[in-house]
Amino acid sequence: MVDPPPQALECLDKLGISSRMIDSIILTHCHSDHDTGTFRKLLFDQHIAVYTTKTIFNSFLRKYSAVTGFSKDFLSKLLVFKPALIGQDHFIHGGKFNFFYSLHTIPCVGFTVELDGKKIAYSADTHNSQELFDKMYKDNVIGKGRMEQLGSFNWDADVILHEAGVPPIHTPMQNLVTLPENVKKNLYVVHVAKKDVPKDCGLSTVEQGETISIPTKVSDLNASIEVLDVLKSVDIFREVCQTFPDAVEILYLISQEEFKPGERIVKAGDPGGKFYIITKGTAIVSWEFNGVKKHKQFYVGDYFGETSIVTGAPRNADVHAICHVRAASISTQHFEHLIAGTGIRDKLLALANVRNADSWHLIMKNSITRSLTSTAKTHLEFIMQSHRFEKDEVVWDIGDPAMFVLMIQTGKFHIECCKTTLRTREINISIFIDDHGALQICNGLLPDVAPHNQLNVRTQDVGFRIDGLKTEGSVTTGAILSDFDAIYTEHAVASRVVCQEEGIAFKISSSDWKKFCSHFPGAFVFFLNRHMAE
């Protein structure tokens, strides 16, 4: 993604693009309409690579350190910084990127990208005017090299995305209107409303959700890279891609299948013989739970068919292609070979049991977990364990250790949160990145971790006399309960939960919850200082 806006994740869903496929972001500059989505992606999803200059990256860290209170060093470890070196080629997923400076109020870069003989040029925010460049050089504001570089925009690209707006911080529309016709036919004006583009001037605009396609002949190599990229993005196969001795052998085990819009890919009740991963397009999954028909859309990187393969049971859902779908399929025999020697089978069996209890619907009922990415939701399903509670059963009591997080599916539960006679004191939570690149959350300051990499959280010390109840109430389906601060600090809980009406809830162990937060830092932030979320 390039300069994702705050609503970027929702836009991806509407376009049928799984967010798990986005592992890299290009950040051109640090104005909020260009960098907010980068920070949101950082919180809601796993570690991403950010391509930008060192100056822009440091500006990003200073800005969001001030906004969140997290240290710059801590934020820098939630992502992978990839320096964008001006004028040098960078290869990202087979595309050749070349970055250049743009002229804006703050440091800013644009870029070109080439793939399969086609080129796209993106100006980023800039005032593209040779007259202005000449004046700035004459006034000794910029050097000759910078003047020449600013004036050498790639007008010969197959697609040009160029901004326009109010000068002096944006390119005057008239500068684009007067371009040669052969340039304007490939140019799309961005960062400006359609009404502000003169009629019959030869310039085009791009509406939100509109797709610009450049016909190319995809090489066999790029097709293979696409399959491996999708496979690597699937949570359960990440281990396979890291440990399998030969990537070529993986490709031999996989077939590519095409499906037309409306075509049925699998039918509920049929025997399962293949596992599918969507590599292009969108499909809809339909199933019944307790007599209620349910639907869910699958995007690139989503998979299905695993339950039938690992359990031997018939398929439990219909899957239809919404648009043209391309899917990588793996036969049962090849699937067994692929996962041999891994823990994938046990994980998939556990996932099947959780999904049979309608876990996805439960996740979508909660205001926080429904906003997580599809990848994070699936990760959550892997660590959920169903448990039945009887009426009047005490789930946990004040002073108990924080053992798990509770997600309520049925029944009613009563929660009481207490206060103590002691004033609030500061509890130190150490947050650091381990040798494997995972975020770790531990109790207490660690002597071998730099102090600026550790976050201080203010919470209640609950091991003392109780004055009375602070808050209490009853919650039901979709509520998530725990003393989250107690999980992070390993202190006793400051709440009491009792089952009022017999029901079923999913437990997530404290250790699994902390691992989940290490992969998806947003969960840590959103549940901090909470006992409950509905």
Protein backbone atom coordinates (compact mmCIF):
# COMPACT_ATOMS: atom_id res chain seq x y z
CA MET A 1 0.00 0.00 0.00
CA VAL A 2 1.01 3.59 -0.58
CA ASP A 3 0.10 6.33 1.94
CA PRO A 4 -2.93 4.41 3.31
CA PRO A 5 -5.68 6.66 4.75
CA PRO A 6 -7.40 5.90 8.08
CA GLN A 7 -10.13 3.84 6.36
CA ALA A 8 -7.67 1.81 4.27
CA LEU A 9 -8.55 -1.55 5.88
CA GLU A 10 -12.26 -1.05 5.12
CA CYS A 11 -11.40 -0.07 1.53
CA LEU A 12 -9.39 -3.26 1.11
CA ASP A 13 -12.34 -5.33 2.32
CA LYS A 14 -14.68 -3.67 -0.19
CA LEU A 15 -12.20 -4.34 -2.99
CA GLY A 16 -11.85 -7.98 -1.98
CA ILE A 17 -8.20 -7.68 -0.94
CA SER A 18 -7.16 -9.44 2.25
CA SER A 19 -5.11 -7.20 4.53
CA ARG A 20 -2.81 -10.17 5.24
CA MET A 21 -1.48 -9.70 1.68
CA ILE A 22 -0.17 -6.24 2.58
CA ASP A 23 3.26 -6.77 4.09
CA SER A 24 4.83 -3.51 2.87
CA ILE A 25 3.87 0.17 2.89
CA ILE A 26 5.41 3.12 1.08
CA LEU A 27 5.18 6.30 3.16
CA THR A 28 5.78 9.43 1.06
CA HIS A 29 5.42 11.99 3.87
CA CYS A 30 3.94 12.57 7.33
CA HIS A 31 0.76 14.55 6.79
CA SER A 32 -2.19 12.85 8.50
CA ASP A 33 -4.09 12.06 5.29
CA HIS A 34 -1.06 10.02 4.19
CA ASP A 35 0.33 8.35 7.33
CA THR A 36 -2.63 7.58 9.64
CA GLY A 37 -3.40 4.32 7.86
CA THR A 38 0.22 3.23 8.29
CA PHE A 39 -0.05 3.59 12.06
CA ARG A 40 -3.43 1.82 12.07
CA LYS A 41 -2.01 -1.06 10.03
CA LEU A 42 0.86 -1.25 12.51
CA LEU A 43 -1.61 -1.65 15.40
CA PHE A 44 -4.18 -3.95 13.83
CA ASP A 45 -1.94 -6.31 11.93
CA GLN A 46 1.39 -8.06 12.16
CA HIS A 47 4.79 -6.51 11.55
CA ILE A 48 5.02 -4.65 8.25
CA ALA A 49 7.88 -3.22 6.21
CA VAL A 50 7.80 0.56 5.73
CA TYR A 51 9.70 2.02 2.77
CA THR A 52 10.58 5.69 3.17
CA THR A 53 13.58 7.92 3.76
CA LYS A 54 15.30 8.04 7.14
CA THR A 55 14.16 11.65 7.62
CA ILE A 56 10.50 10.83 6.95
CA PHE A 57 10.66 7.70 9.10
CA ASN A 58 12.04 9.66 12.07
CA SER A 59 9.26 12.25 11.61
CA PHE A 60 6.71 9.42 11.70
CA LEU A 61 8.18 8.06 14.94
CA ARG A 62 8.27 11.49 16.63
CA LYS A 63 4.68 12.19 15.62
CA TYR A 64 3.14 8.94 16.85
CA SER A 65 5.32 8.84 19.95
CA ALA A 66 3.77 12.20 20.89
CA VAL A 67 0.27 10.92 20.07
CA THR A 68 0.47 7.59 21.95
CA GLY A 69 3.06 8.12 24.67
CA PHE A 70 5.07 5.13 23.41
CA SER A 71 8.79 5.74 22.97
CA LYS A 72 10.22 6.14 19.46
CA ASP A 73 12.45 3.11 20.04
CA PHE A 74 9.46 1.00 21.03
CA LEU A 75 7.42 2.09 17.98
CA SER A 76 10.34 1.45 15.65
CA LYS A 77 10.40 -2.20 16.76
CA LEU A 78 6.75 -2.76 15.78
CA LEU A 79 7.69 -2.49 12.11
CA VAL A 80 10.59 -3.07 9.74
CA PHE A 81 12.17 0.11 8.37
CA LYS A 82 13.36 -0.20 4.75
CA PRO A 83 15.38 2.89 3.75
CA ALA A 84 14.25 4.39 0.44
CA LEU A 85 17.50 5.50 -1.16
CA ILE A 86 16.91 8.26 -3.70
CA GLY A 87 17.79 7.32 -7.27
CA GLN A 88 18.53 3.67 -6.47
CA ASP A 89 16.49 0.66 -7.54
CA HIS A 90 14.56 -1.27 -4.89
CA PHE A 91 12.90 -4.61 -5.70
CA ILE A 92 9.63 -5.33 -3.89
CA HIS A 93 7.71 -8.49 -4.84
CA GLY A 94 9.21 -8.47 -8.33
CA GLY A 95 8.55 -4.78 -9.01
CA LYS A 96 11.44 -2.33 -9.51
CA PHE A 97 10.87 0.85 -7.49
CA ASN A 98 12.87 4.05 -7.83
CA PHE A 99 12.33 6.93 -5.39
CA PHE A 100 12.77 10.66 -6.04
CA TYR A 101 12.28 13.85 -4.06
CA SER A 102 9.04 15.83 -4.38
CA LEU A 103 8.66 19.51 -3.48
CA HIS A 104 6.28 19.92 -0.53
CA THR A 105 6.04 21.77 2.79
CA ILE A 106 7.70 18.84 4.60
CA PRO A 107 10.10 16.13 3.37
CA CYS A 108 8.32 14.09 0.70
CA VAL A 109 9.17 11.46 -1.94
CA GLY A 110 7.50 10.12 -5.06
CA PHE A 111 8.43 7.00 -6.99
CA THR A 112 8.19 4.99 -10.19
CA VAL A 113 7.57 1.23 -10.32
CA GLU A 114 8.21 -1.11 -13.24
CA LEU A 115 6.82 -4.62 -13.70
CA ASP A 116 6.62 -6.82 -16.79
CA GLY A 117 7.70 -3.96 -19.03
CA LYS A 118 5.12 -1.44 -17.74
CA LYS A 119 5.75 1.64 -15.58
CA ILE A 120 3.68 3.66 -13.09
CA ALA A 121 4.78 7.08 -11.83
CA TYR A 122 3.40 8.54 -8.59
CA SER A 123 4.15 12.19 -7.85
CA ALA A 124 3.11 12.24 -4.16
CA ASP A 125 2.26 15.73 -2.83
CA THR A 126 4.31 18.25 -4.77
CA HIS A 127 4.38 21.62 -6.51
CA ASN A 128 5.59 20.49 -9.91
CA SER A 129 6.60 23.70 -11.69
CA GLN A 130 9.83 24.20 -13.65
CA GLU A 131 9.45 27.96 -13.21
CA LEU A 132 9.43 27.51 -9.42
CA PHE A 133 12.42 25.12 -9.53
CA ASP A 134 14.44 27.64 -11.57
CA LYS A 135 13.56 30.46 -9.15
CA MET A 136 14.52 28.39 -6.08
CA TYR A 137 17.86 27.56 -7.71
CA LYS A 138 18.46 31.19 -8.65
CA ASP A 139 17.69 32.24 -5.05
CA ASN A 140 20.12 29.59 -3.72
CA VAL A 141 17.33 27.70 -1.97
CA ILE A 142 18.20 24.43 -3.75
CA GLY A 143 21.29 23.22 -5.58
CA LYS A 144 21.63 22.44 -9.27
CA GLY A 145 21.36 18.70 -8.72
CA ARG A 146 18.09 19.02 -6.80
CA MET A 147 16.71 21.43 -9.42
CA GLU A 148 17.49 18.96 -12.23
CA GLN A 149 16.02 16.04 -10.30
CA LEU A 150 12.78 17.89 -9.49
CA GLY A 151 12.41 18.83 -13.15
CA SER A 152 12.87 15.29 -14.49
CA PHE A 153 9.50 13.75 -13.63
CA ASN A 154 8.67 10.55 -15.56
CA TRP A 155 6.03 11.87 -17.95
CA ASP A 156 6.59 8.84 -20.23
CA ALA A 157 5.12 6.30 -17.76
CA ASP A 158 2.26 4.03 -18.86
CA VAL A 159 0.17 5.35 -15.94
CA ILE A 160 0.81 8.66 -14.17
CA LEU A 161 -0.80 9.42 -10.81
CA HIS A 162 -0.18 13.11 -10.25
CA GLU A 163 -1.57 15.36 -7.57
CA ALA A 164 -3.07 18.82 -8.02
CA GLY A 165 -4.37 21.43 -5.62
CA VAL A 166 -3.89 24.89 -4.23
CA PRO A 167 -0.39 26.35 -4.78
CA PRO A 168 2.19 26.93 -3.47
CA ILE A 169 2.08 23.57 -1.66
CA HIS A 170 0.39 21.67 -4.51
CA THR A 171 0.66 21.60 -8.30
CA PRO A 172 -1.58 24.18 -10.02
CA MET A 173 -4.17 22.46 -12.19
CA GLN A 174 -3.19 24.62 -15.16
CA ASN A 175 0.29 23.08 -15.15
CA LEU A 176 -1.29 19.69 -15.89
CA VAL A 177 -3.88 21.03 -18.35
CA THR A 178 -1.12 22.41 -20.59
CA LEU A 179 0.77 19.10 -20.83
CA PRO A 180 1.00 17.39 -24.25
CA GLU A 181 -2.00 15.24 -25.18
CA ASN A 182 0.07 12.04 -25.34
CA VAL A 183 1.02 12.60 -21.67
CA LYS A 184 -2.49 13.54 -20.50
CA LYS A 185 -4.02 10.36 -21.93
CA ASN A 186 -2.04 8.35 -19.36
CA LEU A 187 -2.44 10.83 -16.47
CA TYR A 188 -4.91 10.55 -13.56
CA VAL A 189 -5.27 13.56 -11.28
CA VAL A 190 -5.38 12.68 -7.57
CA HIS A 191 -5.65 14.63 -4.30
CA VAL A 192 -8.34 16.85 -5.84
CA ALA A 193 -12.12 16.73 -6.23
CA LYS A 194 -13.50 15.78 -9.64
CA LYS A 195 -15.42 19.08 -9.82
CA ASP A 196 -12.13 20.98 -9.69
CA VAL A 197 -10.83 19.37 -12.89
CA PRO A 198 -11.83 21.48 -15.95
CA LYS A 199 -14.18 19.72 -18.34
CA ASP A 200 -12.85 18.57 -21.72
CA CYS A 201 -9.26 19.29 -20.68
CA GLY A 202 -8.05 15.76 -21.41
CA LEU A 203 -7.35 14.89 -17.76
CA SER A 204 -8.92 11.98 -15.90
CA THR A 205 -9.63 11.50 -12.21
CA VAL A 206 -9.87 8.37 -10.09
CA GLU A 207 -12.87 7.69 -7.88
CA GLN A 208 -12.57 5.84 -4.56
CA GLY A 209 -12.75 2.11 -5.23
CA GLU A 210 -11.98 2.48 -8.93
CA THR A 211 -9.37 0.13 -10.38
CA ILE A 212 -6.88 1.08 -13.07
CA SER A 213 -5.65 -1.96 -14.98
CA ILE A 214 -2.50 -2.16 -17.07
CA PRO A 215 -2.50 -5.19 -19.41
CA THR A 216 0.69 -7.21 -18.91
CA LYS A 217 1.84 -10.70 -19.69
CA VAL A 218 2.50 -12.32 -16.33
CA SER A 219 5.64 -14.43 -16.46
CA ASP A 220 5.71 -17.96 -15.05
CA LEU A 221 8.22 -16.72 -12.48
CA ASN A 222 5.90 -13.97 -11.22
CA ALA A 223 2.98 -16.43 -11.10
CA SER A 224 5.09 -18.74 -8.92
CA ILE A 225 6.12 -15.82 -6.70
CA GLU A 226 2.44 -14.92 -6.29
CA VAL A 227 1.59 -18.43 -5.07
CA LEU A 228 4.49 -18.50 -2.60
CA ASP A 229 3.62 -15.00 -1.34
CA VAL A 230 0.03 -16.06 -0.68
CA LEU A 231 1.14 -19.28 0.99
CA LYS A 232 3.60 -17.39 3.19
CA SER A 233 0.84 -14.97 4.22
CA VAL A 234 -1.38 -17.79 5.53
CA ASP A 235 -0.81 -18.13 9.27
CA ILE A 236 -0.74 -21.93 9.40
CA PHE A 237 1.73 -22.24 6.51
CA ARG A 238 4.26 -19.65 7.64
CA GLU A 239 6.13 -22.41 9.47
CA VAL A 240 6.12 -24.60 6.34
CA CYS A 241 7.56 -21.82 4.17
CA GLN A 242 10.33 -21.21 6.69
CA THR A 243 11.32 -24.85 7.22
CA PHE A 244 10.48 -26.65 3.96
CA PRO A 245 13.78 -27.58 2.29
CA ASP A 246 12.80 -26.69 -1.27
CA ALA A 247 10.41 -23.96 -2.46
CA VAL A 248 10.28 -25.62 -5.89
CA GLU A 249 8.89 -28.79 -4.30
CA ILE A 250 6.14 -26.71 -2.67
CA LEU A 251 5.15 -25.43 -6.12
CA TYR A 252 5.01 -29.01 -7.46
CA LEU A 253 2.46 -29.85 -4.77
CA ILE A 254 0.14 -26.97 -5.71
CA SER A 255 -2.25 -26.61 -8.66
CA GLN A 256 -3.93 -23.43 -9.90
CA GLU A 257 -7.69 -23.51 -10.59
CA GLU A 258 -9.93 -20.84 -12.17
CA PHE A 259 -13.61 -20.23 -11.35
CA LYS A 260 -16.14 -18.00 -13.14
CA PRO A 261 -18.43 -15.55 -11.30
CA GLY A 262 -21.23 -17.49 -9.61
CA GLU A 263 -19.53 -20.85 -10.09
CA ARG A 264 -19.64 -23.24 -7.14
CA ILE A 265 -16.17 -24.18 -5.88
CA VAL A 266 -17.22 -26.69 -3.20
CA LYS A 267 -20.61 -28.06 -2.10
CA ALA A 268 -21.70 -28.80 1.46
CA GLY A 269 -22.05 -32.53 2.02
CA ASP A 270 -19.55 -33.54 -0.66
CA PRO A 271 -16.44 -35.48 0.37
CA GLY A 272 -13.40 -33.31 0.83
CA GLY A 273 -10.38 -33.99 -1.32
CA LYS A 274 -8.72 -30.61 -1.72
CA PHE A 275 -7.57 -27.64 0.30
CA TYR A 276 -7.96 -24.20 -1.35
CA ILE A 277 -6.23 -20.84 -0.90
CA ILE A 278 -7.64 -17.88 -2.84
CA THR A 279 -4.93 -16.10 -4.86
CA LYS A 280 -7.25 -13.78 -6.80
CA GLY A 281 -10.85 -12.63 -6.43
CA THR A 282 -13.55 -13.00 -3.78
CA ALA A 283 -15.74 -15.94 -2.77
CA ILE A 284 -18.74 -16.28 -0.48
CA VAL A 285 -19.03 -19.09 2.07
CA SER A 286 -22.51 -20.22 3.15
CA TRP A 287 -23.35 -22.59 6.00
CA GLU A 288 -25.99 -23.34 8.63
CA PHE A 289 -25.57 -23.15 12.39
CA ASN A 290 -28.47 -24.31 14.59
CA GLY A 291 -30.82 -23.89 11.63
CA VAL A 292 -29.68 -20.33 10.90
CA LYS A 293 -28.11 -19.60 7.50
CA LYS A 294 -24.85 -17.65 7.71
CA HIS A 295 -22.50 -16.09 5.18
CA LYS A 296 -18.95 -14.87 5.11
CA GLN A 297 -16.78 -13.47 2.34
CA PHE A 298 -13.32 -14.86 1.61
CA TYR A 299 -10.60 -12.76 0.01
CA VAL A 300 -7.07 -13.28 -1.30
CA GLY A 301 -5.11 -15.29 1.25
CA ASP A 302 -8.19 -16.85 2.87
CA TYR A 303 -8.40 -20.65 2.79
CA PHE A 304 -11.04 -23.37 3.09
CA GLY A 305 -11.35 -27.15 2.90
CA GLU A 306 -8.97 -27.83 5.78
CA THR A 307 -11.67 -29.27 8.05
CA SER A 308 -12.62 -32.05 5.64
CA ILE A 309 -9.00 -32.99 5.06
CA VAL A 310 -7.96 -33.29 8.72
CA THR A 311 -11.23 -34.80 10.04
CA GLY A 312 -12.35 -36.85 7.03
CA ALA A 313 -15.85 -35.38 7.41
CA PRO A 314 -17.90 -34.14 4.43
CA ARG A 315 -17.66 -30.47 3.51
CA ASN A 316 -19.68 -28.30 5.90
CA ALA A 317 -20.24 -25.25 3.67
CA ASP A 318 -20.93 -24.10 0.13
CA VAL A 319 -18.36 -21.83 -1.49
CA HIS A 320 -19.20 -19.79 -4.61
CA ALA A 321 -17.08 -17.38 -6.62
CA ILE A 322 -18.42 -13.82 -6.46
CA CYS A 323 -16.17 -12.65 -9.29
CA HIS A 324 -13.43 -14.37 -11.28
CA VAL A 325 -11.51 -16.43 -8.73
CA ARG A 326 -8.11 -18.05 -8.98
CA ALA A 327 -7.24 -20.50 -6.21
CA ALA A 328 -4.24 -22.61 -5.33
CA SER A 329 -5.46 -26.13 -4.57
CA ILE A 330 -3.66 -28.90 -2.71
CA SER A 331 -4.85 -32.52 -2.76
CA THR A 332 -5.24 -34.46 0.46
CA GLN A 333 -2.12 -36.52 -0.29
CA HIS A 334 0.00 -33.45 -1.06
CA PHE A 335 -1.43 -31.60 1.93
CA GLU A 336 -0.40 -34.44 4.26
CA HIS A 337 3.11 -34.36 2.77
CA LEU A 338 3.31 -30.59 3.19
CA ILE A 339 2.39 -30.57 6.89
CA ALA A 340 4.31 -33.70 7.89
CA GLY A 341 6.49 -33.08 10.94
CA THR A 342 4.69 -29.85 11.90
CA GLY A 343 1.99 -29.06 14.45
CA ILE A 344 -0.41 -27.88 11.75
CA ARG A 345 -2.75 -30.90 11.91
CA ASP A 346 -3.41 -30.42 15.66
CA LYS A 347 -3.96 -26.70 15.13
CA LEU A 348 -6.46 -27.31 12.33
CA LEU A 349 -8.36 -29.91 14.36
CA ALA A 350 -8.66 -27.41 17.23
CA LEU A 351 -9.72 -24.70 14.79
CA ALA A 352 -12.40 -26.96 13.30
CA ASN A 353 -13.87 -27.61 16.76
CA VAL A 354 -13.91 -23.91 17.59
CA ARG A 355 -15.53 -22.99 14.27
CA ASN A 356 -18.17 -25.67 14.76
CA ALA A 357 -19.17 -23.63 17.83
CA ASP A 358 -19.68 -20.53 15.62
CA SER A 359 -16.60 -18.70 16.86
CA TRP A 360 -16.46 -16.25 13.94
CA HIS A 361 -19.96 -14.95 14.68
CA LEU A 362 -18.96 -14.45 18.31
CA ILE A 363 -15.84 -12.47 17.36
CA MET A 364 -17.96 -10.23 15.14
CA LYS A 365 -20.32 -9.48 18.06
CA ASN A 366 -17.63 -7.68 20.06
CA SER A 367 -16.96 -4.01 19.27
CA ILE A 368 -13.16 -4.41 19.53
CA THR A 369 -12.51 -7.83 18.02
CA ARG A 370 -14.79 -7.18 15.04
CA SER A 371 -12.45 -4.36 14.00
CA LEU A 372 -9.44 -6.70 13.87
CA THR A 373 -8.18 -7.92 10.52
CA SER A 374 -9.21 -11.31 9.15
CA THR A 375 -5.72 -12.58 9.98
CA ALA A 376 -6.03 -11.50 13.62
CA LYS A 377 -9.50 -13.03 13.94
CA THR A 378 -8.27 -16.38 12.65
CA HIS A 379 -5.29 -16.19 15.01
CA LEU A 380 -7.77 -15.59 17.85
CA GLU A 381 -9.80 -18.65 16.86
CA PHE A 382 -6.69 -20.83 17.12
CA ILE A 383 -6.31 -20.02 20.84
CA MET A 384 -9.99 -20.17 21.92
CA GLN A 385 -11.16 -23.14 24.01
CA SER A 386 -14.85 -23.77 24.69
CA HIS A 387 -15.99 -24.26 28.31
CA ARG A 388 -19.43 -24.75 29.89
CA PHE A 389 -20.29 -22.84 33.08
CA GLU A 390 -23.06 -23.78 35.52
CA LYS A 391 -25.44 -21.32 37.20
CA ASP A 392 -23.83 -19.60 40.25
CA GLU A 393 -20.38 -20.93 39.32
CA VAL A 394 -17.61 -18.51 40.24
CA VAL A 395 -15.42 -17.98 37.18
CA TRP A 396 -12.78 -16.10 39.18
CA ASP A 397 -12.71 -14.10 42.39
CA ILE A 398 -10.92 -11.04 43.75
CA GLY A 399 -7.33 -11.89 44.56
CA ASP A 400 -7.14 -14.88 42.15
CA PRO A 401 -4.27 -15.01 39.67
CA ALA A 402 -5.13 -13.78 36.16
CA MET A 403 -5.34 -17.11 34.35
CA PHE A 404 -7.41 -16.41 31.23
CA VAL A 405 -9.58 -14.13 29.09
CA LEU A 406 -13.28 -15.04 28.77
CA MET A 407 -15.38 -14.60 25.60
CA ILE A 408 -19.08 -15.19 26.33
CA GLN A 409 -21.09 -17.13 23.77
CA THR A 410 -24.30 -18.01 25.64
CA GLY A 411 -25.71 -17.42 29.12
CA LYS A 412 -25.29 -14.41 31.41
CA PHE A 413 -22.34 -13.46 33.60
CA HIS A 414 -22.08 -10.90 36.39
CA ILE A 415 -18.88 -8.90 36.89
CA GLU A 416 -17.90 -6.82 39.92
CA CYS A 417 -14.83 -4.60 39.82
CA CYS A 418 -13.39 -3.39 43.11
CA LYS A 419 -11.31 -0.54 44.49
CA THR A 420 -8.77 -0.62 47.29
CA THR A 421 -7.85 1.59 50.22
CA LEU A 422 -4.42 2.18 48.71
CA ARG A 423 -3.67 4.89 46.21
CA THR A 424 -2.89 3.89 42.67
CA ARG A 425 0.77 3.02 42.26
CA GLU A 426 2.85 2.60 39.13
CA ILE A 427 3.36 -0.92 37.82
CA ASN A 428 6.22 -1.46 35.36
CA ILE A 429 5.45 -3.54 32.30
CA SER A 430 8.41 -4.43 30.10
CA ILE A 431 7.66 -4.50 26.40
CA PHE A 432 10.45 -5.54 24.07
CA ILE A 433 11.18 -7.35 20.82
CA ASP A 434 12.77 -10.78 21.17
CA ASP A 435 15.35 -12.42 18.89
CA HIS A 436 12.57 -13.77 16.66
CA GLY A 437 11.05 -10.31 16.06
CA ALA A 438 8.04 -10.89 18.33
CA LEU A 439 6.77 -8.30 20.77
CA GLN A 440 6.97 -9.58 24.37
CA ILE A 441 5.02 -8.25 27.37
CA CYS A 442 6.41 -9.10 30.83
CA ASN A 443 6.00 -8.00 34.44
CA GLY A 444 8.69 -5.77 35.96
CA LEU A 445 11.69 -3.94 34.54
CA LEU A 446 14.26 -6.14 32.82
CA PRO A 447 17.90 -5.27 33.54
CA ASP A 448 19.08 -6.32 30.05
CA VAL A 449 16.47 -4.24 28.21
CA ALA A 450 17.02 -0.51 27.73
CA PRO A 451 14.66 1.60 29.94
CA HIS A 452 13.37 3.59 26.95
CA ASN A 453 12.04 0.31 25.46
CA GLN A 454 9.84 -0.37 28.51
CA LEU A 455 6.35 0.99 28.96
CA ASN A 456 5.02 2.10 32.38
CA VAL A 457 1.32 1.40 32.99
CA ARG A 458 -0.57 2.83 35.98
CA THR A 459 -2.86 0.25 37.58
CA GLN A 460 -4.34 -0.76 40.95
CA ASP A 461 -2.46 -2.92 43.47
CA VAL A 462 -5.23 -5.34 44.45
CA GLY A 463 -3.66 -7.40 47.24
CA PHE A 464 -5.20 -5.36 50.07
CA ARG A 465 -8.45 -4.73 51.95
CA ILE A 466 -11.48 -4.03 49.75
CA ASP A 467 -13.46 -0.86 50.51
CA GLY A 468 -16.38 -1.68 48.27
CA LEU A 469 -17.53 -2.24 44.72
CA LYS A 470 -16.44 0.18 42.06
CA THR A 471 -18.54 -1.07 39.13
CA GLU A 472 -20.77 -4.05 38.49
CA GLY A 473 -23.14 -5.33 35.84
CA SER A 474 -24.35 -8.30 33.80
CA VAL A 475 -23.08 -9.15 30.35
CA THR A 476 -23.95 -11.73 27.73
CA THR A 477 -23.09 -12.84 24.18
CA GLY A 478 -20.10 -11.06 22.67
CA ALA A 479 -18.67 -9.64 25.90
CA ILE A 480 -14.98 -10.22 26.67
CA LEU A 481 -13.98 -10.29 30.33
CA SER A 482 -10.66 -10.28 32.14
CA ASP A 483 -8.44 -8.12 34.31
CA PHE A 484 -6.16 -7.31 31.38
CA ASP A 485 -3.71 -5.24 33.42
CA ALA A 486 -3.35 -8.17 35.84
CA ILE A 487 -2.49 -10.44 32.90
CA TYR A 488 0.26 -8.09 31.75
CA THR A 489 1.63 -7.45 35.28
CA GLU A 490 0.98 -10.96 36.68
CA HIS A 491 -0.78 -9.41 39.69
CA ALA A 492 -3.99 -10.74 41.29
CA VAL A 493 -7.28 -9.76 39.66
CA ALA A 494 -9.37 -6.88 40.97
CA SER A 495 -12.72 -8.29 39.85
CA ARG A 496 -15.20 -11.10 40.53
CA VAL A 497 -17.13 -12.92 37.79
CA VAL A 498 -20.08 -15.27 38.47
CA CYS A 499 -22.21 -17.20 35.98
CA GLN A 500 -25.81 -16.02 36.48
CA GLU A 501 -27.37 -18.21 33.78
CA GLU A 502 -25.86 -21.47 32.54
CA GLY A 503 -23.87 -20.87 29.40
CA ILE A 504 -20.84 -21.48 27.22
CA ALA A 505 -17.79 -19.25 26.96
CA PHE A 506 -14.42 -19.48 25.29
CA LYS A 507 -11.30 -19.32 27.41
CA ILE A 508 -7.99 -17.90 26.18
CA SER A 509 -5.07 -18.62 28.51
CA SER A 510 -3.04 -15.66 29.77
CA SER A 511 0.08 -16.90 27.98
CA ASP A 512 -1.79 -17.27 24.66
CA TRP A 513 -3.35 -13.83 25.11
CA LYS A 514 0.06 -12.22 25.62
CA LYS A 515 1.38 -14.00 22.53
CA PHE A 516 -1.64 -12.77 20.59
CA CYS A 517 -0.93 -9.20 21.71
CA SER A 518 2.69 -9.61 20.67
CA HIS A 519 1.54 -10.27 17.09
CA PHE A 520 -1.25 -7.67 17.12
CA PRO A 521 -0.18 -4.72 19.31
CA GLY A 522 -3.54 -3.00 18.84
CA ALA A 523 -5.21 -5.62 21.05
CA PHE A 524 -2.79 -4.74 23.86
CA VAL A 525 -3.55 -1.04 23.49
CA PHE A 526 -7.35 -1.36 23.22
CA PHE A 527 -7.77 -3.70 26.20
CA LEU A 528 -5.33 -1.88 28.47
CA ASN A 529 -6.94 -0.65 31.74
CA ARG A 530 -10.11 -2.66 31.03
CA HIS A 531 -12.07 -5.37 32.79
CA MET A 532 -14.67 -5.84 30.08
CA ALA A 533 -15.48 -4.96 26.47
CA GLU A 534 -18.77 -5.58 24.65
